[in-house]
Amino acid sequence: MKMPEKIILRLLEDAVGKENVSDDESILIAYSRDQYWNFVPPKMPDYVVRPKNTEEVQAVMRIANRYRIPVIPMSSGVNVRGLCIPEQGGIVLELKRMNRIIEINKDAMTATVEPGVTMVEFVASARKLGLRPAVPGAPAVVSPVSNYMLRGVYHHISSIGIDHVLSMEIVLPNGELLYTGSAAFPNIGPYSRFGFGPDLTGLFMGQPGTMGVVTKLTCRMYPLPEAEEWLGAGFNDLSKAVKFVDELMTEKLLASCWLLHWSVPLITMAPSRDLQKLREDVLGGCEWFINLTFESSKGLIDYKRKAVEKIVQKYKPDLIGGPLPMEVGPIKNEWMYPRRIFNWFKFGNYFALAFWGPLTKFEEYHDLGLKFWKKHGLDPEKFSIIAAPTEPYCGKLSYIEMECFYDSTNRAEAESLTAFTSDMTNELIELGIYGWFRPYALAVKASLGKLKGNYVELWKKIHDIIDPNNTMNPGKLWPV
């Protein structure tokens, strides 16, 4: 049913208050693009709507569903890689005003938050109770709700993994409420992932706002460690570095164990641009750097360090001056707290192609990436790749990311990165990966036709049952 825009505007104003709705182009343009504007073309929404609570979200969804207006949920406002660009116009549903930390339950080791809460607020509140959430390698103002739903990459991924969601309150496209996990049961808390029947919490994860709006999320919390210690190890031989990390992960000795191209730790912590000098001074000139993070009681850390030292002895001929204690200040800031993202952008805009795969294929991923990097005329000195082995380490599960910093005003470089991404999404599927980090546009396009069996057809049928009018972020997963 098509209605005049002014009538739609009035209905939305009635739902959330006139001051919380805008169709002013000078406001809308801020929601039309993100830092990936070189790769995802800007698109203007028709309205920005800012609800305060679940009831207001329900009212907006009923209007949108009735008049078939697209809705693009946006949590704390960190819109990255095109996931919140309104492909078909419609309503950007900005959820910043829903910013309550409803509960941090120390006994249950859980927290319940709304989508407008930022990670830095969440971490600060949790630390007062001796707890911490899973902290992602993302800006401090990222939303825990959207980050956990899309399975972020966490500083302690090697010990706590990527799945931290227990239950959710979701406003469906028709405005009705869905509770998942134990939140669906009366007279009990939302503290269990598995309530009754299928895992509906899992069904809604990994979706870029395409099946509903999460208005509350309950997640796992973790105790602050009594003590922590950081070591760094350098290798020039990538094969030996991979085997070293694999052995450490198999023994489950570390809170965090990341395999990084030498530039990554320096870019995230460096006070200057002179990376090559820092490479020599701090990393001993190594090509590959591994951070080893210990967390526990002091006595248990001593025990784990001795166990790590036994493994180190096997690789000592290949180690570059280590493992060495790492400078605590910048490391602690980088790995214990939400990321101080401003350090990064001294080096340009940020590009990444990220996916899940076995650590044992890391060398093949590296060689393939570098091959196509050079093919598209990109500077080999800018090519970087990391691996974050992930608990549970079944199948040698690891987060893999190819990344660089680039000049966003250089159209030729951006076009080369686009061509690289297009080639690599297809080549990586052929080489073998477990899946994409998130459903970004090129990855979705490359994958939907290659997944085996009835996977895509069933997924699409589930989506169409939940959102028959295709109002939720249309164009992000399925062709419109």
Protein backbone atom coordinates (compact mmCIF):
# COMPACT_ATOMS: atom_id res chain seq x y z
CA MET A 1 0.00 0.00 0.00
CA LYS A 2 1.67 3.21 -1.18
CA MET A 3 1.09 6.24 1.02
CA PRO A 4 2.22 9.86 0.55
CA GLU A 5 5.58 10.52 2.20
CA LYS A 6 4.19 13.24 4.46
CA ILE A 7 1.60 10.82 5.86
CA ILE A 8 4.34 8.24 6.53
CA LEU A 9 6.39 10.96 8.22
CA ARG A 10 3.45 11.86 10.47
CA LEU A 11 2.87 8.22 11.42
CA LEU A 12 6.53 7.81 12.34
CA GLU A 13 6.45 11.01 14.38
CA ASP A 14 3.42 9.71 16.26
CA ALA A 15 5.34 6.50 16.99
CA VAL A 16 8.57 7.97 18.41
CA GLY A 17 8.06 11.73 18.75
CA LYS A 18 8.57 14.44 16.15
CA GLU A 19 12.06 15.28 17.40
CA ASN A 20 13.19 11.69 16.74
CA VAL A 21 12.29 11.50 13.05
CA SER A 22 13.92 13.29 10.13
CA ASP A 23 13.55 13.39 6.37
CA ASP A 24 15.96 16.33 6.06
CA GLU A 25 18.56 15.59 3.37
CA SER A 26 21.27 17.33 5.38
CA ILE A 27 20.66 14.72 8.12
CA LEU A 28 20.03 11.74 5.83
CA ILE A 29 23.30 12.12 3.95
CA ALA A 30 25.26 11.12 7.06
CA TYR A 31 23.52 7.72 6.91
CA SER A 32 24.10 7.19 3.20
CA ARG A 33 27.72 6.02 3.41
CA ASP A 34 30.40 4.65 5.69
CA GLN A 35 34.19 4.35 5.63
CA TYR A 36 33.81 1.74 2.85
CA TRP A 37 32.34 4.29 0.45
CA ASN A 38 34.99 3.35 -2.12
CA PHE A 39 33.54 -0.16 -2.31
CA VAL A 40 29.84 0.23 -1.41
CA PRO A 41 28.15 3.12 -3.26
CA PRO A 42 26.28 5.61 -1.06
CA LYS A 43 22.47 5.33 -0.94
CA MET A 44 20.15 7.82 0.74
CA PRO A 45 17.51 6.69 3.23
CA ASP A 46 14.09 8.35 3.18
CA TYR A 47 13.87 8.71 6.96
CA VAL A 48 16.00 8.38 10.07
CA VAL A 49 13.99 7.21 13.08
CA ARG A 50 15.36 7.05 16.64
CA PRO A 51 13.21 4.92 18.98
CA LYS A 52 13.76 4.91 22.74
CA ASN A 53 12.36 1.50 23.72
CA THR A 54 11.01 -1.81 22.46
CA GLU A 55 7.44 -0.51 22.20
CA GLU A 56 8.52 2.29 19.88
CA VAL A 57 10.47 -0.17 17.73
CA GLN A 58 7.33 -2.30 17.47
CA ALA A 59 5.28 0.71 16.39
CA VAL A 60 7.79 1.62 13.68
CA MET A 61 7.97 -1.96 12.41
CA ARG A 62 4.17 -2.17 12.13
CA ILE A 63 4.14 0.99 10.01
CA ALA A 64 7.00 -0.25 7.83
CA ASN A 65 5.45 -3.68 7.38
CA ARG A 66 2.02 -2.30 6.51
CA TYR A 67 3.34 0.11 3.89
CA ARG A 68 6.29 -2.08 2.81
CA ILE A 69 8.96 0.43 3.71
CA PRO A 70 12.52 -0.95 4.02
CA VAL A 71 14.03 -0.84 7.52
CA ILE A 72 17.77 -0.85 8.18
CA PRO A 73 18.64 -1.27 11.89
CA MET A 74 21.72 0.60 13.11
CA SER A 75 22.85 0.16 16.70
CA SER A 76 25.48 2.52 18.14
CA GLY A 77 26.27 4.11 14.79
CA VAL A 78 29.50 2.36 13.80
CA ASN A 79 28.40 1.57 10.25
CA VAL A 80 31.12 -0.44 8.54
CA ARG A 81 31.62 -2.20 5.21
CA GLY A 82 28.23 -1.24 3.86
CA LEU A 83 26.05 -3.37 6.16
CA CYS A 84 23.83 -0.41 7.10
CA ILE A 85 23.75 1.37 3.74
CA PRO A 86 20.06 1.58 2.72
CA GLU A 87 20.20 -0.19 -0.65
CA GLN A 88 16.50 0.46 -1.31
CA GLY A 89 16.04 3.65 0.70
CA GLY A 90 13.49 3.48 3.50
CA ILE A 91 14.02 3.90 7.25
CA VAL A 92 17.37 3.84 8.99
CA LEU A 93 16.33 2.75 12.48
CA GLU A 94 19.04 4.27 14.66
CA LEU A 95 19.01 2.61 18.09
CA LYS A 96 21.46 4.86 19.99
CA ARG A 97 18.76 6.05 22.39
CA MET A 98 18.21 2.47 23.55
CA ASN A 99 21.34 2.64 25.68
CA ARG A 100 20.56 0.87 28.94
CA ILE A 101 22.76 -1.72 30.58
CA ILE A 102 19.78 -3.53 32.03
CA GLU A 103 21.69 -5.93 34.24
CA ILE A 104 25.16 -7.22 34.96
CA ASN A 105 24.64 -10.34 37.05
CA LYS A 106 27.86 -11.32 38.80
CA ASP A 107 26.44 -14.57 40.18
CA ALA A 108 25.05 -15.72 36.82
CA MET A 109 28.10 -14.35 34.94
CA THR A 110 25.83 -12.65 32.40
CA ALA A 111 24.80 -9.19 31.26
CA THR A 112 21.73 -7.88 29.45
CA VAL A 113 22.14 -4.78 27.29
CA GLU A 114 20.30 -2.72 24.70
CA PRO A 115 21.71 -2.04 21.22
CA GLY A 116 22.71 1.59 21.88
CA VAL A 117 25.18 0.65 24.63
CA THR A 118 28.80 1.12 23.56
CA MET A 119 31.58 -1.32 24.31
CA VAL A 120 33.56 1.24 26.31
CA GLU A 121 30.54 1.86 28.58
CA PHE A 122 29.99 -1.88 28.92
CA VAL A 123 33.62 -2.62 29.84
CA ALA A 124 33.74 0.20 32.41
CA SER A 125 30.54 -0.97 34.13
CA ALA A 126 31.62 -4.61 34.16
CA ARG A 127 35.05 -3.88 35.63
CA LYS A 128 33.43 -2.33 38.70
CA LEU A 129 32.06 -5.80 39.46
CA GLY A 130 35.28 -7.66 38.69
CA LEU A 131 34.00 -8.85 35.32
CA ARG A 132 34.60 -8.19 31.65
CA PRO A 133 32.72 -8.95 28.45
CA ALA A 134 34.32 -10.35 25.33
CA VAL A 135 36.19 -7.30 23.99
CA PRO A 136 36.42 -7.10 20.19
CA GLY A 137 39.20 -5.65 18.09
CA ALA A 138 36.86 -2.83 17.10
CA PRO A 139 36.29 0.85 17.93
CA ALA A 140 35.40 1.60 21.54
CA VAL A 141 31.98 2.92 20.49
CA VAL A 142 30.90 -0.30 18.77
CA SER A 143 27.69 -1.90 20.08
CA PRO A 144 28.07 -5.21 21.95
CA VAL A 145 24.66 -6.24 20.56
CA SER A 146 25.54 -5.90 16.88
CA ASN A 147 29.12 -7.10 17.39
CA TYR A 148 28.09 -10.26 19.22
CA MET A 149 25.25 -10.98 16.79
CA LEU A 150 27.67 -10.76 13.86
CA ARG A 151 30.35 -12.71 15.79
CA GLY A 152 33.21 -10.30 16.20
CA VAL A 153 36.89 -11.07 16.62
CA TYR A 154 37.86 -10.80 20.27
CA HIS A 155 41.19 -10.12 21.91
CA HIS A 156 40.93 -13.42 23.79
CA ILE A 157 39.42 -15.40 20.91
CA SER A 158 42.02 -18.14 21.45
CA SER A 159 40.46 -19.02 24.82
CA ILE A 160 36.85 -17.74 24.79
CA GLY A 161 35.90 -18.16 21.13
CA ILE A 162 33.37 -16.08 19.18
CA ASP A 163 29.95 -17.14 20.51
CA HIS A 164 28.92 -15.12 23.56
CA VAL A 165 25.16 -14.70 23.08
CA LEU A 166 22.72 -16.48 25.40
CA SER A 167 19.32 -15.06 24.54
CA MET A 168 17.63 -12.15 22.79
CA GLU A 169 14.48 -10.08 22.63
CA ILE A 170 13.69 -9.47 18.96
CA VAL A 171 11.06 -7.33 17.27
CA LEU A 172 10.02 -9.23 14.15
CA PRO A 173 9.20 -7.47 10.86
CA ASN A 174 5.46 -7.51 11.66
CA GLY A 175 6.05 -5.84 15.05
CA GLU A 176 5.56 -8.96 17.15
CA LEU A 177 8.03 -9.95 19.88
CA LEU A 178 10.20 -13.06 19.90
CA TYR A 179 12.18 -14.23 22.93
CA THR A 180 14.94 -16.79 22.41
CA GLY A 181 16.59 -19.27 24.78
CA SER A 182 15.42 -19.29 28.39
CA ALA A 183 14.09 -15.72 27.93
CA ALA A 184 11.02 -17.37 26.38
CA PHE A 185 10.17 -19.09 29.68
CA PRO A 186 8.25 -17.26 32.43
CA ASN A 187 9.59 -16.95 35.97
CA ILE A 188 13.25 -17.44 35.06
CA GLY A 189 16.11 -15.28 33.79
CA PRO A 190 17.40 -15.02 30.19
CA TYR A 191 20.58 -16.83 31.16
CA SER A 192 20.55 -19.98 29.03
CA ARG A 193 21.09 -20.29 25.28
CA PHE A 194 19.11 -23.50 25.06
CA GLY A 195 15.53 -23.19 26.20
CA PHE A 196 13.18 -25.54 24.36
CA GLY A 197 13.35 -26.90 20.83
CA PRO A 198 15.62 -25.42 18.13
CA ASP A 199 18.33 -22.88 18.88
CA LEU A 200 16.45 -19.76 17.77
CA THR A 201 19.22 -17.55 19.14
CA GLY A 202 21.63 -19.06 16.63
CA LEU A 203 19.10 -18.66 13.82
CA PHE A 204 19.19 -14.86 14.17
CA MET A 205 22.96 -14.54 14.50
CA GLY A 206 25.12 -13.69 11.50
CA GLN A 207 22.23 -11.78 9.91
CA PRO A 208 22.86 -8.13 8.94
CA GLY A 209 19.50 -6.88 10.20
CA THR A 210 17.56 -9.00 7.71
CA MET A 211 15.08 -10.83 9.97
CA GLY A 212 14.26 -8.50 12.86
CA VAL A 213 15.50 -5.89 15.32
CA VAL A 214 17.28 -7.08 18.46
CA THR A 215 16.18 -4.84 21.33
CA LYS A 216 17.81 -6.74 24.22
CA LEU A 217 20.67 -9.22 24.28
CA THR A 218 21.97 -11.34 27.15
CA CYS A 219 25.60 -12.42 26.88
CA ARG A 220 28.26 -14.30 28.78
CA MET A 221 30.62 -12.44 31.10
CA TYR A 222 34.09 -13.43 32.26
CA PRO A 223 36.02 -12.81 35.49
CA LEU A 224 38.86 -10.33 35.45
CA PRO A 225 42.11 -12.28 35.78
CA GLU A 226 44.17 -12.07 38.94
CA ALA A 227 47.30 -11.63 36.84
CA GLU A 228 48.32 -11.30 33.21
CA GLU A 229 51.55 -11.50 31.29
CA TRP A 230 52.49 -10.84 27.67
CA LEU A 231 55.30 -12.35 25.63
CA GLY A 232 56.21 -11.78 22.01
CA ALA A 233 57.88 -14.23 19.64
CA GLY A 234 59.28 -13.49 16.20
CA PHE A 235 59.86 -15.77 13.19
CA ASN A 236 61.04 -15.28 9.64
CA ASP A 237 59.96 -18.78 8.57
CA LEU A 238 56.15 -18.74 8.22
CA SER A 239 55.90 -22.53 8.19
CA LYS A 240 57.67 -22.76 11.56
CA ALA A 241 55.55 -19.92 12.96
CA VAL A 242 52.33 -21.75 12.01
CA LYS A 243 53.53 -25.00 13.60
CA PHE A 244 54.54 -23.13 16.77
CA VAL A 245 51.11 -21.51 17.11
CA ASP A 246 49.33 -24.78 16.32
CA GLU A 247 51.19 -26.58 19.10
CA LEU A 248 50.43 -23.81 21.60
CA MET A 249 46.72 -23.89 20.70
CA THR A 250 46.54 -27.67 20.96
CA GLU A 251 47.90 -27.50 24.51
CA LYS A 252 45.36 -24.77 25.52
CA LEU A 253 47.93 -22.77 27.48
CA LEU A 254 47.18 -19.21 26.43
CA ALA A 255 44.41 -16.65 26.76
CA SER A 256 45.41 -15.22 23.39
CA CYS A 257 47.75 -16.34 20.63
CA TRP A 258 47.72 -14.33 17.40
CA LEU A 259 49.99 -14.80 14.39
CA LEU A 260 50.59 -11.40 12.82
CA HIS A 261 52.51 -9.94 9.93
CA TRP A 262 55.12 -7.68 11.51
CA SER A 263 53.35 -4.43 10.59
CA VAL A 264 50.11 -5.18 12.47
CA PRO A 265 51.27 -4.88 16.11
CA LEU A 266 53.24 -1.76 15.30
CA ILE A 267 50.40 -0.02 13.46
CA THR A 268 47.96 -0.60 16.31
CA MET A 269 50.38 0.64 18.96
CA ALA A 270 53.00 2.75 17.21
CA PRO A 271 53.37 6.42 18.16
CA SER A 272 55.02 7.23 14.82
CA ARG A 273 54.94 6.34 11.12
CA ASP A 274 58.52 5.02 11.01
CA LEU A 275 57.47 1.37 11.08
CA GLN A 276 60.65 -0.08 9.61
CA LYS A 277 62.76 1.47 12.38
CA LEU A 278 60.31 0.21 14.98
CA ARG A 279 60.40 -3.21 13.33
CA GLU A 280 64.13 -3.40 14.00
CA ASP A 281 64.03 -1.83 17.47
CA VAL A 282 60.96 -3.62 18.87
CA LEU A 283 60.54 -6.83 16.87
CA GLY A 284 64.15 -7.62 16.03
CA GLY A 285 63.46 -7.29 12.31
CA CYS A 286 61.22 -10.38 12.20
CA GLU A 287 58.69 -11.00 9.41
CA TRP A 288 56.09 -12.75 11.60
CA PHE A 289 55.15 -11.82 15.14
CA ILE A 290 53.20 -13.90 17.67
CA ASN A 291 51.69 -12.43 20.80
CA LEU A 292 51.35 -14.82 23.74
CA THR A 293 48.93 -13.71 26.45
CA PHE A 294 48.75 -15.47 29.82
CA GLU A 295 45.89 -14.86 32.24
CA SER A 296 45.10 -16.60 35.51
CA SER A 297 46.41 -16.69 39.05
CA LYS A 298 50.11 -15.88 39.34
CA GLY A 299 50.94 -19.47 40.24
CA LEU A 300 49.04 -20.89 37.29
CA ILE A 301 50.68 -18.40 34.91
CA ASP A 302 54.09 -19.59 36.13
CA TYR A 303 53.04 -23.18 35.43
CA LYS A 304 51.74 -22.32 31.94
CA ARG A 305 54.83 -20.29 31.10
CA LYS A 306 57.05 -23.27 31.94
CA ALA A 307 54.91 -25.46 29.67
CA VAL A 308 55.24 -22.88 26.88
CA GLU A 309 58.99 -22.73 27.42
CA LYS A 310 59.22 -26.48 26.71
CA ILE A 311 57.54 -25.88 23.34
CA VAL A 312 59.77 -22.87 22.72
CA GLN A 313 62.87 -25.05 23.04
CA LYS A 314 61.85 -27.00 19.92
CA TYR A 315 61.71 -23.79 17.88
CA LYS A 316 64.58 -21.88 19.46
CA PRO A 317 66.80 -21.98 16.34
CA ASP A 318 64.02 -20.25 14.37
CA LEU A 319 62.99 -17.66 16.96
CA ILE A 320 64.09 -14.08 16.42
CA GLY A 321 65.31 -12.93 19.82
CA GLY A 322 62.47 -14.34 21.85
CA PRO A 323 60.10 -14.98 23.32
CA LEU A 324 60.57 -11.64 25.00
CA PRO A 325 58.43 -9.77 27.54
CA MET A 326 56.35 -7.16 25.73
CA GLU A 327 55.98 -3.55 26.80
CA VAL A 328 52.97 -3.73 29.08
CA GLY A 329 51.44 -0.26 28.57
CA PRO A 330 50.49 -0.32 24.88
CA ILE A 331 49.87 -4.08 24.83
CA LYS A 332 47.49 -3.90 27.76
CA ASN A 333 45.63 -0.98 26.23
CA GLU A 334 45.34 -2.84 22.93
CA TRP A 335 44.36 -6.28 24.21
CA MET A 336 42.39 -5.58 27.38
CA TYR A 337 40.22 -2.63 26.39
CA PRO A 338 38.16 -1.44 23.41
CA ARG A 339 40.44 -0.42 20.58
CA ARG A 340 41.89 3.08 20.36
CA ILE A 341 41.10 3.22 16.68
CA PHE A 342 42.63 6.65 16.10
CA ASN A 343 46.11 5.07 15.98
CA TRP A 344 45.14 3.21 12.84
CA PHE A 345 44.00 6.07 10.69
CA LYS A 346 47.35 7.82 10.82
CA PHE A 347 48.23 5.30 8.11
CA GLY A 348 45.17 5.81 5.87
CA ASN A 349 41.75 4.22 5.48
CA TYR A 350 41.39 0.59 6.47
CA PHE A 351 40.72 -2.30 4.08
CA ALA A 352 40.21 -5.93 5.07
CA LEU A 353 39.08 -9.22 3.55
CA ALA A 354 38.27 -11.59 6.41
CA PHE A 355 37.15 -15.20 6.66
CA TRP A 356 37.36 -18.39 8.74
CA GLY A 357 39.64 -21.26 7.80
CA PRO A 358 42.05 -23.85 9.21
CA LEU A 359 45.36 -22.53 10.50
CA THR A 360 47.10 -25.27 8.52
CA LYS A 361 46.10 -23.47 5.28
CA PHE A 362 47.49 -20.12 6.41
CA GLU A 363 50.56 -20.31 4.17
CA GLU A 364 48.36 -21.10 1.16
CA TYR A 365 46.07 -18.17 2.00
CA HIS A 366 49.11 -15.91 2.29
CA ASP A 367 50.63 -17.02 -1.02
CA LEU A 368 47.32 -16.76 -2.87
CA GLY A 369 46.60 -13.32 -1.44
CA LEU A 370 50.04 -11.97 -2.29
CA LYS A 371 49.79 -13.39 -5.83
CA PHE A 372 46.54 -11.55 -6.57
CA TRP A 373 47.72 -8.46 -4.69
CA LYS A 374 50.60 -8.16 -7.14
CA LYS A 375 48.37 -9.07 -10.10
CA HIS A 376 46.26 -5.98 -9.42
CA GLY A 377 49.26 -3.68 -9.15
CA LEU A 378 49.04 -3.16 -5.39
CA ASP A 379 52.16 -2.40 -3.38
CA PRO A 380 53.48 -5.69 -1.87
CA GLU A 381 54.88 -3.72 1.07
CA LYS A 382 51.32 -2.84 2.07
CA PHE A 383 50.03 -6.43 2.05
CA SER A 384 49.42 -7.84 5.52
CA ILE A 385 47.73 -10.99 6.80
CA ILE A 386 46.94 -12.26 10.29
CA ALA A 387 45.61 -15.44 11.89
CA ALA A 388 43.74 -15.62 15.19
CA PRO A 389 43.29 -19.28 16.21
CA THR A 390 39.88 -19.68 17.79
CA GLU A 391 38.47 -21.74 20.63
CA PRO A 392 37.09 -24.35 20.17
CA TYR A 393 40.11 -25.22 18.04
CA CYS A 394 38.30 -28.02 16.22
CA GLY A 395 39.40 -28.17 12.59
CA LYS A 396 42.22 -25.75 13.52
CA LEU A 397 39.57 -22.99 13.33
CA SER A 398 41.14 -19.55 12.82
CA TYR A 399 40.10 -16.06 11.89
CA ILE A 400 42.11 -14.98 8.84
CA GLU A 401 42.32 -11.39 7.66
CA MET A 402 44.10 -9.84 4.68
CA GLU A 403 44.42 -6.13 5.31
CA CYS A 404 46.09 -2.88 4.44
CA PHE A 405 45.83 0.86 4.84
CA TYR A 406 45.17 2.83 1.68
CA ASP A 407 44.59 6.36 0.43
CA SER A 408 40.81 6.68 0.02
CA THR A 409 41.30 9.68 -2.28
CA ASN A 410 43.30 7.51 -4.70
CA ARG A 411 40.59 6.09 -6.97
CA ALA A 412 43.01 3.80 -8.83
CA GLU A 413 44.12 2.14 -5.58
CA ALA A 414 40.50 1.70 -4.45
CA GLU A 415 39.58 0.15 -7.81
CA SER A 416 42.54 -2.25 -7.54
CA LEU A 417 41.42 -3.28 -4.04
CA THR A 418 37.89 -3.86 -5.36
CA ALA A 419 39.22 -6.08 -8.16
CA PHE A 420 41.45 -7.91 -5.66
CA THR A 421 38.44 -8.58 -3.40
CA SER A 422 36.33 -9.82 -6.30
CA ASP A 423 39.02 -12.26 -7.43
CA MET A 424 39.89 -13.42 -3.94
CA THR A 425 36.32 -14.20 -2.87
CA ASN A 426 36.10 -16.72 -5.71
CA GLU A 427 39.66 -18.02 -5.36
CA LEU A 428 39.32 -18.56 -1.60
CA ILE A 429 36.13 -20.58 -2.06
CA GLU A 430 38.01 -22.77 -4.54
CA LEU A 431 40.99 -23.15 -2.18
CA GLY A 432 38.70 -23.91 0.76
CA ILE A 433 37.47 -21.78 3.67
CA TYR A 434 35.01 -22.44 6.50
CA GLY A 435 33.04 -19.29 5.83
CA TRP A 436 33.16 -15.52 5.55
CA PHE A 437 33.65 -13.37 8.61
CA ARG A 438 30.50 -11.38 7.84
CA PRO A 439 27.98 -11.24 4.97
CA TYR A 440 29.60 -8.41 3.04
CA ALA A 441 28.34 -7.70 -0.46
CA LEU A 442 31.02 -9.32 -2.63
CA ALA A 443 31.29 -12.36 -0.34
CA VAL A 444 27.52 -12.93 -0.48
CA LYS A 445 27.43 -12.61 -4.25
CA ALA A 446 30.30 -15.07 -4.71
CA SER A 447 29.01 -17.64 -2.23
CA LEU A 448 25.26 -18.03 -2.74
CA GLY A 449 25.66 -19.97 -5.96
CA LYS A 450 28.38 -22.27 -4.61
CA LEU A 451 27.02 -23.58 -1.32
CA LYS A 452 26.20 -27.27 -1.51
CA GLY A 453 22.87 -29.01 -1.11
CA ASN A 454 19.76 -27.16 0.05
CA TYR A 455 21.61 -24.62 2.22
CA VAL A 456 20.69 -21.42 0.37
CA GLU A 457 17.15 -22.50 -0.54
CA LEU A 458 16.30 -23.38 3.07
CA TRP A 459 17.88 -20.18 4.41
CA LYS A 460 15.85 -18.11 1.94
CA LYS A 461 12.62 -19.94 2.86
CA ILE A 462 13.19 -19.24 6.56
CA HIS A 463 13.82 -15.57 5.76
CA ASP A 464 10.65 -15.33 3.64
CA ILE A 465 8.51 -16.85 6.40
CA ILE A 466 9.80 -14.32 8.94
CA ASP A 467 9.89 -11.34 6.56
CA PRO A 468 7.43 -12.05 3.72
CA ASN A 469 7.33 -8.39 2.64
CA ASN A 470 11.15 -8.21 2.51
CA THR A 471 11.27 -5.02 4.56
CA MET A 472 14.36 -5.85 6.63
CA ASN A 473 17.55 -4.42 5.08
CA PRO A 474 16.56 -5.57 1.56
CA GLY A 475 19.36 -6.20 -0.89
CA LYS A 476 21.96 -7.18 1.72
CA LEU A 477 21.53 -10.94 1.32
CA TRP A 478 18.95 -11.67 -1.33
CA PRO A 479 18.44 -9.99 -4.71
CA VAL A 480 15.54 -7.53 -4.69
